[in-house]
Amino acid sequence: MTFPPGFLDRADPSPDPSFYDSPRFVTHIDDRAIAAVGALYEELGLGGTVLDLMSSWVSHFRTPPAHLIALGLNPDELAANTAAAETVVQDLNADPALPFEDATIDAATCCVSVDYLTRPVEVFREVGRVLRPGGLFVCTFSNRCFPTKAVRGWLATDDAGRVDIVRAYFAASGAFGPAQAALRTPPRSPGDPLYGVWAAAAGTPS
């Protein structure tokens, strides 16, 4: 997939920290979709030191990993995340460089936020750098979003197209093996659909 001009633009280009200045102690998907996120993390065996990108006050693990690093925009939300052993306030759209050494993270997650990345390939490449070889990066998403902050390419397609977009981010980064994808909630059922796309780090990109 190529990203045409305007694909990564947004209706609201203002700095993200302003938009997320006030904490939102809510969940952005329904309970069944949340359960599907936790089930996927458990099935994939995510553990050890895990980096939760674009995190908030909850990270949706059934059992928190040994050391969860919650990286997000709102310090109040991050401080309320009881699963987090460490928090980092960072706007990945302003600065995609992660503040971690190479190959020091066992797994990474991004829950219902990949649609807001305006520099996704740079972020995915950074995730690949900090992951240990073979470490999984798991992106989950639904069909809900803040439409003024999601990139235009995301809004212009359907759920299958969004799966393809995340696969393309993985491929374009050059930092991962082939991506896998699955609908994790029952098809054509009421409620929020939950999709997962994940891949294993190939090691530090050259």
Protein backbone atom coordinates (compact mmCIF):
# COMPACT_ATOMS: atom_id res chain seq x y z
CA MET A 1 0.00 0.00 0.00
CA THR A 2 1.17 3.53 -0.79
CA PHE A 3 -0.07 6.51 1.13
CA PRO A 4 -1.43 9.15 -1.24
CA PRO A 5 -1.11 12.88 -0.56
CA GLY A 6 -3.30 13.88 2.36
CA PHE A 7 -3.65 10.33 3.69
CA LEU A 8 -2.04 11.21 7.03
CA ASP A 9 -3.66 14.65 7.34
CA ARG A 10 -6.34 15.32 9.95
CA ALA A 11 -9.33 17.65 10.19
CA ASP A 12 -7.85 19.04 13.41
CA PRO A 13 -4.09 19.53 12.96
CA SER A 14 -3.65 21.31 16.30
CA PRO A 15 -1.11 19.81 18.76
CA ASP A 16 -2.45 16.67 20.39
CA PRO A 17 -1.51 17.63 23.97
CA SER A 18 -4.10 20.45 23.76
CA PHE A 19 -6.84 18.04 22.66
CA TYR A 20 -5.98 15.59 25.44
CA ASP A 21 -5.32 18.24 28.09
CA SER A 22 -8.32 17.17 30.19
CA PRO A 23 -8.33 13.56 31.43
CA ARG A 24 -11.03 11.26 30.08
CA PHE A 25 -11.66 8.49 32.58
CA VAL A 26 -13.83 6.52 30.17
CA THR A 27 -13.35 3.49 27.96
CA HIS A 28 -13.55 3.95 24.20
CA ILE A 29 -14.89 0.48 23.34
CA ASP A 30 -17.58 -1.64 24.97
CA ASP A 31 -17.03 -4.34 27.58
CA ARG A 32 -17.02 -7.21 25.10
CA ALA A 33 -14.40 -5.54 22.94
CA ILE A 34 -12.31 -4.78 26.04
CA ALA A 35 -12.50 -8.45 27.00
CA ALA A 36 -11.37 -9.36 23.48
CA VAL A 37 -8.28 -7.16 23.88
CA GLY A 38 -7.33 -8.89 27.13
CA ALA A 39 -7.97 -12.32 25.65
CA LEU A 40 -5.70 -11.57 22.68
CA TYR A 41 -2.89 -10.33 24.93
CA GLU A 42 -3.20 -13.49 27.02
CA GLU A 43 -3.35 -15.78 23.98
CA LEU A 44 -0.21 -14.20 22.54
CA GLY A 45 1.58 -14.55 25.86
CA LEU A 46 2.54 -10.92 26.29
CA GLY A 47 4.67 -10.58 29.41
CA GLY A 48 7.89 -9.32 30.90
CA THR A 49 8.54 -5.68 30.09
CA VAL A 50 5.65 -4.43 27.96
CA LEU A 51 5.31 -0.97 26.40
CA ASP A 52 1.71 0.24 26.06
CA LEU A 53 1.75 3.03 23.48
CA MET A 54 -0.81 5.86 23.48
CA SER A 55 -2.00 4.54 26.80
CA SER A 56 -4.42 5.96 29.34
CA TRP A 57 -5.85 5.05 32.74
CA VAL A 58 -6.44 1.40 31.78
CA SER A 59 -4.43 -1.04 29.66
CA HIS A 60 -6.89 -3.97 29.35
CA PHE A 61 -4.56 -6.79 30.39
CA ARG A 62 -6.30 -9.66 32.18
CA THR A 63 -3.15 -10.03 34.26
CA PRO A 64 -0.69 -7.13 34.11
CA PRO A 65 2.80 -8.02 32.89
CA ALA A 66 5.75 -7.90 35.27
CA HIS A 67 6.68 -4.38 34.16
CA LEU A 68 4.18 -2.33 32.18
CA ILE A 69 5.33 1.00 30.76
CA ALA A 70 2.35 3.21 29.92
CA LEU A 71 3.25 5.92 27.39
CA GLY A 72 0.59 8.48 26.63
CA LEU A 73 -0.41 12.13 26.51
CA ASN A 74 -2.32 12.84 29.71
CA PRO A 75 -0.33 12.56 32.96
CA ASP A 76 -3.45 12.29 35.13
CA GLU A 77 -4.76 9.34 33.14
CA LEU A 78 -1.39 7.61 33.21
CA ALA A 79 -1.05 8.15 36.96
CA ALA A 80 -4.39 6.40 37.45
CA ASN A 81 -3.29 3.30 35.51
CA THR A 82 -2.88 0.78 38.34
CA ALA A 83 -1.28 -1.79 36.04
CA ALA A 84 1.58 0.54 35.09
CA ALA A 85 4.93 0.25 36.84
CA GLU A 86 6.29 3.21 34.86
CA THR A 87 4.72 6.08 32.90
CA VAL A 88 6.03 8.29 30.12
CA VAL A 89 4.29 11.43 28.83
CA GLN A 90 5.08 11.78 25.12
CA ASP A 91 3.37 12.97 21.95
CA LEU A 92 4.41 10.44 19.32
CA ASN A 93 3.14 12.64 16.51
CA ALA A 94 5.53 15.39 17.59
CA ASP A 95 8.41 13.06 18.47
CA PRO A 96 8.27 9.39 17.42
CA ALA A 97 11.67 8.58 18.98
CA LEU A 98 11.08 6.27 21.93
CA PRO A 99 13.17 6.91 25.07
CA PHE A 100 14.42 3.34 25.42
CA GLU A 101 17.56 1.46 24.46
CA ASP A 102 17.64 -1.00 21.58
CA ALA A 103 16.15 -4.45 22.23
CA THR A 104 15.07 -3.80 25.83
CA ILE A 105 11.29 -4.33 25.55
CA ASP A 106 9.64 -7.76 25.42
CA ALA A 107 6.35 -6.72 23.78
CA ALA A 108 4.43 -3.61 22.80
CA THR A 109 0.74 -2.78 22.46
CA CYS A 110 -1.35 0.03 20.99
CA CYS A 111 -5.05 -0.15 21.82
CA VAL A 112 -7.64 1.83 19.81
CA SER A 113 -5.16 4.60 18.97
CA VAL A 114 -3.23 3.59 15.87
CA ASP A 115 -5.69 5.64 13.78
CA TYR A 116 -4.34 8.87 15.32
CA LEU A 117 -0.72 8.41 14.26
CA THR A 118 0.45 10.98 11.72
CA ARG A 119 3.98 9.50 11.52
CA PRO A 120 3.07 5.82 11.81
CA VAL A 121 5.98 4.32 9.90
CA GLU A 122 8.48 6.18 12.09
CA VAL A 123 6.67 5.02 15.24
CA PHE A 124 6.50 1.40 14.06
CA ARG A 125 10.20 1.51 13.17
CA GLU A 126 10.98 2.80 16.66
CA VAL A 127 8.89 0.05 18.23
CA GLY A 128 10.85 -2.49 16.20
CA ARG A 129 14.09 -0.96 17.43
CA VAL A 130 13.24 -1.18 21.14
CA LEU A 131 11.69 -4.65 20.96
CA ARG A 132 13.84 -7.69 21.49
CA PRO A 133 14.01 -9.79 18.30
CA GLY A 134 10.83 -11.83 18.10
CA GLY A 135 8.97 -9.51 20.46
CA LEU A 136 5.40 -8.83 19.41
CA PHE A 137 3.81 -5.48 18.63
CA VAL A 138 0.02 -5.82 18.92
CA CYS A 139 -2.34 -3.15 17.56
CA THR A 140 -6.04 -3.41 18.35
CA PHE A 141 -8.80 -1.14 17.08
CA SER A 142 -12.53 -0.86 16.57
CA ASN A 143 -14.74 1.37 14.44
CA ARG A 144 -14.92 4.20 16.97
CA CYS A 145 -12.62 7.21 17.06
CA PHE A 146 -12.39 10.96 17.50
CA PRO A 147 -12.96 11.76 13.81
CA THR A 148 -11.23 15.13 13.88
CA LYS A 149 -8.03 13.48 15.13
CA ALA A 150 -8.00 10.27 13.07
CA VAL A 151 -6.03 10.50 9.83
CA ARG A 152 -8.07 10.99 6.68
CA GLY A 153 -6.99 7.68 5.14
CA TRP A 154 -8.40 5.81 8.14
CA LEU A 155 -11.75 7.59 7.92
CA ALA A 156 -12.01 6.99 4.18
CA THR A 157 -12.14 3.20 4.34
CA ASP A 158 -13.93 0.31 6.05
CA ASP A 159 -12.79 -2.17 8.71
CA ALA A 160 -11.06 -4.43 6.17
CA GLY A 161 -9.27 -1.42 4.74
CA ARG A 162 -8.10 -0.44 8.22
CA VAL A 163 -6.62 -3.88 8.74
CA ASP A 164 -4.73 -3.36 5.48
CA ILE A 165 -3.53 0.05 6.68
CA VAL A 166 -2.01 -1.37 9.86
CA ARG A 167 -0.44 -4.22 7.90
CA ALA A 168 1.06 -1.59 5.60
CA TYR A 169 2.53 0.31 8.55
CA PHE A 170 4.24 -2.86 9.74
CA ALA A 171 5.58 -3.63 6.27
CA ALA A 172 6.73 -0.09 5.52
CA SER A 173 8.68 0.13 8.78
CA GLY A 174 11.00 -2.69 7.68
CA ALA A 175 11.28 -3.72 11.33
CA PHE A 176 8.90 -6.68 11.52
CA GLY A 177 8.12 -10.04 10.03
CA PRO A 178 4.79 -10.74 8.31
CA ALA A 179 1.80 -9.35 10.17
CA GLN A 180 -1.15 -11.44 11.29
CA ALA A 181 -4.68 -10.10 11.68
CA ALA A 182 -7.98 -11.29 13.08
CA LEU A 183 -11.44 -10.11 14.02
CA ARG A 184 -11.54 -10.95 17.74
CA THR A 185 -15.26 -10.44 18.33
CA PRO A 186 -18.00 -12.56 16.72
CA PRO A 187 -18.72 -11.39 13.17
CA ARG A 188 -21.96 -9.54 12.46
CA SER A 189 -22.82 -9.37 16.15
CA PRO A 190 -24.06 -6.28 18.00
CA GLY A 191 -21.53 -4.12 19.78
CA ASP A 192 -18.09 -2.84 18.91
CA PRO A 193 -15.98 -5.02 16.61
CA LEU A 194 -12.42 -5.59 17.81
CA TYR A 195 -9.63 -6.22 15.32
CA GLY A 196 -6.07 -7.17 16.09
CA VAL A 197 -3.02 -6.85 13.86
CA TRP A 198 0.33 -8.00 15.19
CA ALA A 199 3.83 -8.93 14.08
CA ALA A 200 7.16 -9.98 15.55
CA ALA A 201 10.18 -7.71 15.57
CA ALA A 202 12.85 -8.79 13.14
CA GLY A 203 15.61 -7.08 15.13
CA THR A 204 17.17 -3.65 14.84
CA PRO A 205 16.52 -2.30 11.33
CA SER A 206 19.62 -1.58 9.28
